[in-house]
């Protein structure tokens, strides 16, 4: 089990209480698909993904990005039991969709950059450390079924 300090718990709650899920989700997933184009293979039925401009305005990408970020609600509301909270999603992604588990980390890297851009000076090193810890715990939980 991961130990969370009061500062970490409060920081995570503050971030998810303030972010615009639609903006952050769309931006983070778009960035992932642009920076790591091999991740696009899971989105073949999402229409035009031929260039960065098309990806950024694709409504299906925006919607799925929002869904992913809302999926993190499960983690921050279950900080003391993230692995169990993500069991079903881990099974879905490993056994049905067959997503490369490294893509979770790539998305989280892009989400971190997106949060930093949205939060500006409030995204200091202490906040980044909390975000990175939180997201890596989520990545580990999502990748649990792959082992």
C-alpha atoms as a PDB file:
ATOM      1  CA  UNK A   1       0.000   0.000   0.000  1.00  0.00           C
ATOM      2  CA  UNK A   2       1.174   3.514  -0.805  1.00  0.00           C
ATOM      3  CA  UNK A   3       1.512   5.963   2.048  1.00  0.00           C
ATOM      4  CA  UNK A   4       0.090   9.441   1.430  1.00  0.00           C
ATOM      5  CA  UNK A   5       0.931  12.500   3.513  1.00  0.00           C
ATOM      6  CA  UNK A   6      -1.721  15.065   4.352  1.00  0.00           C
ATOM      7  CA  UNK A   7       0.000  17.470   1.938  1.00  0.00           C
ATOM      8  CA  UNK A   8      -0.176  14.905  -0.871  1.00  0.00           C
ATOM      9  CA  UNK A   9      -3.831  14.126  -0.220  1.00  0.00           C
ATOM     10  CA  UNK A  10      -4.740  17.803  -0.139  1.00  0.00           C
ATOM     11  CA  UNK A  11      -2.710  18.603  -3.258  1.00  0.00           C
ATOM     12  CA  UNK A  12      -4.384  15.840  -5.263  1.00  0.00           C
ATOM     13  CA  UNK A  13      -7.840  16.895  -4.079  1.00  0.00           C
ATOM     14  CA  UNK A  14      -7.067  20.538  -4.896  1.00  0.00           C
ATOM     15  CA  UNK A  15      -5.900  19.735  -8.416  1.00  0.00           C
ATOM     16  CA  UNK A  16      -8.891  17.583  -9.272  1.00  0.00           C
ATOM     17  CA  UNK A  17     -11.236  20.058  -7.651  1.00  0.00           C
ATOM     18  CA  UNK A  18      -9.978  22.879  -9.870  1.00  0.00           C
ATOM     19  CA  UNK A  19      -9.157  21.439 -13.281  1.00  0.00           C
ATOM     20  CA  UNK A  20     -11.355  21.745 -16.324  1.00  0.00           C
ATOM     21  CA  UNK A  21     -11.648  18.061 -17.223  1.00  0.00           C
ATOM     22  CA  UNK A  22     -12.678  18.713 -20.816  1.00  0.00           C
ATOM     23  CA  UNK A  23      -9.787  21.051 -21.568  1.00  0.00           C
ATOM     24  CA  UNK A  24      -7.140  19.062 -19.731  1.00  0.00           C
ATOM     25  CA  UNK A  25      -8.311  15.676 -21.011  1.00  0.00           C
ATOM     26  CA  UNK A  26      -8.487  16.759 -24.639  1.00  0.00           C
ATOM     27  CA  UNK A  27      -5.107  18.491 -24.468  1.00  0.00           C
ATOM     28  CA  UNK A  28      -3.345  15.593 -22.727  1.00  0.00           C
ATOM     29  CA  UNK A  29      -4.658  12.900 -25.069  1.00  0.00           C
ATOM     30  CA  UNK A  30      -4.006  15.046 -28.147  1.00  0.00           C
ATOM     31  CA  UNK A  31      -0.446  15.647 -26.972  1.00  0.00           C
ATOM     32  CA  UNK A  32       0.039  11.933 -26.397  1.00  0.00           C
ATOM     33  CA  UNK A  33      -1.137  11.043 -29.899  1.00  0.00           C
ATOM     34  CA  UNK A  34       0.975  13.770 -31.510  1.00  0.00           C
ATOM     35  CA  UNK A  35       4.198  13.235 -29.554  1.00  0.00           C
ATOM     36  CA  UNK A  36       3.939   9.432 -29.565  1.00  0.00           C
ATOM     37  CA  UNK A  37       2.214   8.662 -32.882  1.00  0.00           C
ATOM     38  CA  UNK A  38       2.407   4.885 -32.396  1.00  0.00           C
ATOM     39  CA  UNK A  39      -0.216   5.276 -29.673  1.00  0.00           C
ATOM     40  CA  UNK A  40      -2.719   6.188 -32.400  1.00  0.00           C
ATOM     41  CA  UNK A  41      -3.152   2.532 -33.334  1.00  0.00           C
ATOM     42  CA  UNK A  42      -5.743   2.141 -30.575  1.00  0.00           C
ATOM     43  CA  UNK A  43      -7.852   4.929 -32.057  1.00  0.00           C
ATOM     44  CA  UNK A  44      -8.332   3.704 -35.597  1.00  0.00           C
ATOM     45  CA  UNK A  45     -12.079   4.203 -35.431  1.00  0.00           C
ATOM     46  CA  UNK A  46     -11.759   7.823 -34.245  1.00  0.00           C
ATOM     47  CA  UNK A  47     -11.591   9.330 -37.732  1.00  0.00           C
ATOM     48  CA  UNK A  48      -8.958  11.704 -39.043  1.00  0.00           C
ATOM     49  CA  UNK A  49      -5.716  11.477 -37.056  1.00  0.00           C
ATOM     50  CA  UNK A  50      -3.426  12.319 -39.987  1.00  0.00           C
ATOM     51  CA  UNK A  51      -1.760  15.363 -38.449  1.00  0.00           C
ATOM     52  CA  UNK A  52      -1.560  17.415 -35.270  1.00  0.00           C
ATOM     53  CA  UNK A  53      -4.248  19.867 -36.377  1.00  0.00           C
ATOM     54  CA  UNK A  54      -6.717  17.071 -37.094  1.00  0.00           C
ATOM     55  CA  UNK A  55      -6.010  15.391 -33.770  1.00  0.00           C
ATOM     56  CA  UNK A  56      -6.469  18.630 -31.802  1.00  0.00           C
ATOM     57  CA  UNK A  57      -9.934  19.274 -33.248  1.00  0.00           C
ATOM     58  CA  UNK A  58     -11.158  15.670 -33.276  1.00  0.00           C
ATOM     59  CA  UNK A  59     -14.251  15.536 -31.023  1.00  0.00           C
ATOM     60  CA  UNK A  60     -13.830  11.815 -30.343  1.00  0.00           C
ATOM     61  CA  UNK A  61     -10.289  12.390 -29.076  1.00  0.00           C
ATOM     62  CA  UNK A  62     -11.497  15.260 -26.892  1.00  0.00           C
ATOM     63  CA  UNK A  63     -14.304  13.132 -25.471  1.00  0.00           C
ATOM     64  CA  UNK A  64     -12.036  10.170 -24.746  1.00  0.00           C
ATOM     65  CA  UNK A  65      -9.419  12.424 -23.150  1.00  0.00           C
ATOM     66  CA  UNK A  66     -12.118  13.763 -20.849  1.00  0.00           C
ATOM     67  CA  UNK A  67     -13.175  10.200 -20.025  1.00  0.00           C
ATOM     68  CA  UNK A  68      -9.582   9.256 -19.147  1.00  0.00           C
ATOM     69  CA  UNK A  69      -9.097  12.228 -16.845  1.00  0.00           C
ATOM     70  CA  UNK A  70     -12.468  11.579 -15.185  1.00  0.00           C
ATOM     71  CA  UNK A  71     -11.203   8.021 -14.706  1.00  0.00           C
ATOM     72  CA  UNK A  72      -8.569   9.453 -12.384  1.00  0.00           C
ATOM     73  CA  UNK A  73     -11.385  10.437 -10.028  1.00  0.00           C
ATOM     74  CA  UNK A  74     -11.509   6.764  -9.096  1.00  0.00           C
ATOM     75  CA  UNK A  75      -7.912   6.989  -7.890  1.00  0.00           C
ATOM     76  CA  UNK A  76      -8.038  10.208  -5.927  1.00  0.00           C
ATOM     77  CA  UNK A  77     -11.268   9.164  -4.236  1.00  0.00           C
ATOM     78  CA  UNK A  78      -9.689   5.811  -3.309  1.00  0.00           C
ATOM     79  CA  UNK A  79      -6.134   6.819  -2.464  1.00  0.00           C
ATOM     80  CA  UNK A  80      -5.742   4.051   0.074  1.00  0.00           C
ATOM     81  CA  UNK A  81      -6.855   1.337  -2.341  1.00  0.00           C
ATOM     82  CA  UNK A  82      -5.977   2.421  -5.873  1.00  0.00           C
ATOM     83  CA  UNK A  83      -5.001  -1.072  -7.049  1.00  0.00           C
ATOM     84  CA  UNK A  84      -8.389  -2.499  -6.165  1.00  0.00           C
ATOM     85  CA  UNK A  85     -10.193   0.524  -7.582  1.00  0.00           C
ATOM     86  CA  UNK A  86      -8.568  -0.113 -10.979  1.00  0.00           C
ATOM     87  CA  UNK A  87      -8.917  -3.892 -11.187  1.00  0.00           C
ATOM     88  CA  UNK A  88     -11.741  -3.824 -13.758  1.00  0.00           C
ATOM     89  CA  UNK A  89     -10.033  -1.200 -15.921  1.00  0.00           C
ATOM     90  CA  UNK A  90      -6.781  -3.127 -15.766  1.00  0.00           C
ATOM     91  CA  UNK A  91      -8.517  -6.285 -16.963  1.00  0.00           C
ATOM     92  CA  UNK A  92     -10.309  -4.379 -19.723  1.00  0.00           C
ATOM     93  CA  UNK A  93      -7.121  -2.780 -21.045  1.00  0.00           C
ATOM     94  CA  UNK A  94      -4.970  -5.898 -20.766  1.00  0.00           C
ATOM     95  CA  UNK A  95      -7.335  -8.666 -21.836  1.00  0.00           C
ATOM     96  CA  UNK A  96      -9.885  -7.030 -24.136  1.00  0.00           C
ATOM     97  CA  UNK A  97      -8.335  -3.918 -25.668  1.00  0.00           C
ATOM     98  CA  UNK A  98      -4.704  -5.131 -25.418  1.00  0.00           C
ATOM     99  CA  UNK A  99      -3.269  -1.673 -24.787  1.00  0.00           C
ATOM    100  CA  UNK A 100       0.499  -1.527 -24.404  1.00  0.00           C
ATOM    101  CA  UNK A 101       0.874  -0.681 -20.683  1.00  0.00           C
ATOM    102  CA  UNK A 102       3.680   1.769 -21.469  1.00  0.00           C
ATOM    103  CA  UNK A 103       1.044   3.984 -23.098  1.00  0.00           C
ATOM    104  CA  UNK A 104      -0.404   4.704 -19.649  1.00  0.00           C
ATOM    105  CA  UNK A 105       2.933   6.213 -18.625  1.00  0.00           C
ATOM    106  CA  UNK A 106       3.189   8.194 -21.859  1.00  0.00           C
ATOM    107  CA  UNK A 107      -0.289   9.637 -21.307  1.00  0.00           C
ATOM    108  CA  UNK A 108       0.572  10.522 -17.712  1.00  0.00           C
ATOM    109  CA  UNK A 109       3.722  12.331 -18.845  1.00  0.00           C
ATOM    110  CA  UNK A 110       1.599  14.386 -21.248  1.00  0.00           C
ATOM    111  CA  UNK A 111      -1.009  14.962 -18.555  1.00  0.00           C
ATOM    112  CA  UNK A 112       1.699  16.277 -16.225  1.00  0.00           C
ATOM    113  CA  UNK A 113       2.857  18.734 -18.899  1.00  0.00           C
ATOM    114  CA  UNK A 114      -0.729  19.790 -19.550  1.00  0.00           C
ATOM    115  CA  UNK A 115      -1.393  20.342 -15.842  1.00  0.00           C
ATOM    116  CA  UNK A 116       1.809  22.370 -15.546  1.00  0.00           C
ATOM    117  CA  UNK A 117       0.728  24.572 -18.439  1.00  0.00           C
ATOM    118  CA  UNK A 118      -2.762  25.029 -16.956  1.00  0.00           C
ATOM    119  CA  UNK A 119      -1.581  25.710 -13.409  1.00  0.00           C
ATOM    120  CA  UNK A 120       1.396  27.939 -14.195  1.00  0.00           C
ATOM    121  CA  UNK A 121       3.405  29.034 -11.162  1.00  0.00           C
ATOM    122  CA  UNK A 122       1.175  26.953  -8.860  1.00  0.00           C
ATOM    123  CA  UNK A 123       2.695  23.837 -10.425  1.00  0.00           C
ATOM    124  CA  UNK A 124       5.923  24.009  -8.441  1.00  0.00           C
ATOM    125  CA  UNK A 125       8.357  21.159  -7.761  1.00  0.00           C
ATOM    126  CA  UNK A 126       6.478  20.007  -4.654  1.00  0.00           C
ATOM    127  CA  UNK A 127       3.203  19.804  -6.576  1.00  0.00           C
ATOM    128  CA  UNK A 128       4.914  18.048  -9.479  1.00  0.00           C
ATOM    129  CA  UNK A 129       6.342  15.445  -7.106  1.00  0.00           C
ATOM    130  CA  UNK A 130       2.846  14.717  -5.781  1.00  0.00           C
ATOM    131  CA  UNK A 131       1.360  14.539  -9.289  1.00  0.00           C
ATOM    132  CA  UNK A 132       4.125  12.205 -10.481  1.00  0.00           C
ATOM    133  CA  UNK A 133       3.718   9.920  -7.466  1.00  0.00           C
ATOM    134  CA  UNK A 134      -0.056   9.815  -7.879  1.00  0.00           C
ATOM    135  CA  UNK A 135       0.065   9.104 -11.604  1.00  0.00           C
ATOM    136  CA  UNK A 136       2.732   6.410 -11.273  1.00  0.00           C
ATOM    137  CA  UNK A 137       0.591   4.634  -8.667  1.00  0.00           C
ATOM    138  CA  UNK A 138      -2.304   4.757 -11.145  1.00  0.00           C
ATOM    139  CA  UNK A 139      -0.057   3.449 -13.956  1.00  0.00           C
ATOM    140  CA  UNK A 140       1.072   0.578 -11.740  1.00  0.00           C
ATOM    141  CA  UNK A 141      -2.544  -0.249 -10.882  1.00  0.00           C
ATOM    142  CA  UNK A 142      -3.606  -0.194 -14.535  1.00  0.00           C
ATOM    143  CA  UNK A 143      -0.667  -2.387 -15.495  1.00  0.00           C
ATOM    144  CA  UNK A 144      -1.277  -4.864 -12.700  1.00  0.00           C
ATOM    145  CA  UNK A 145      -3.067  -7.453 -14.881  1.00  0.00           C
ATOM    146  CA  UNK A 146      -0.194  -7.516 -17.375  1.00  0.00           C
ATOM    147  CA  UNK A 147       2.147  -9.278 -14.953  1.00  0.00           C
END
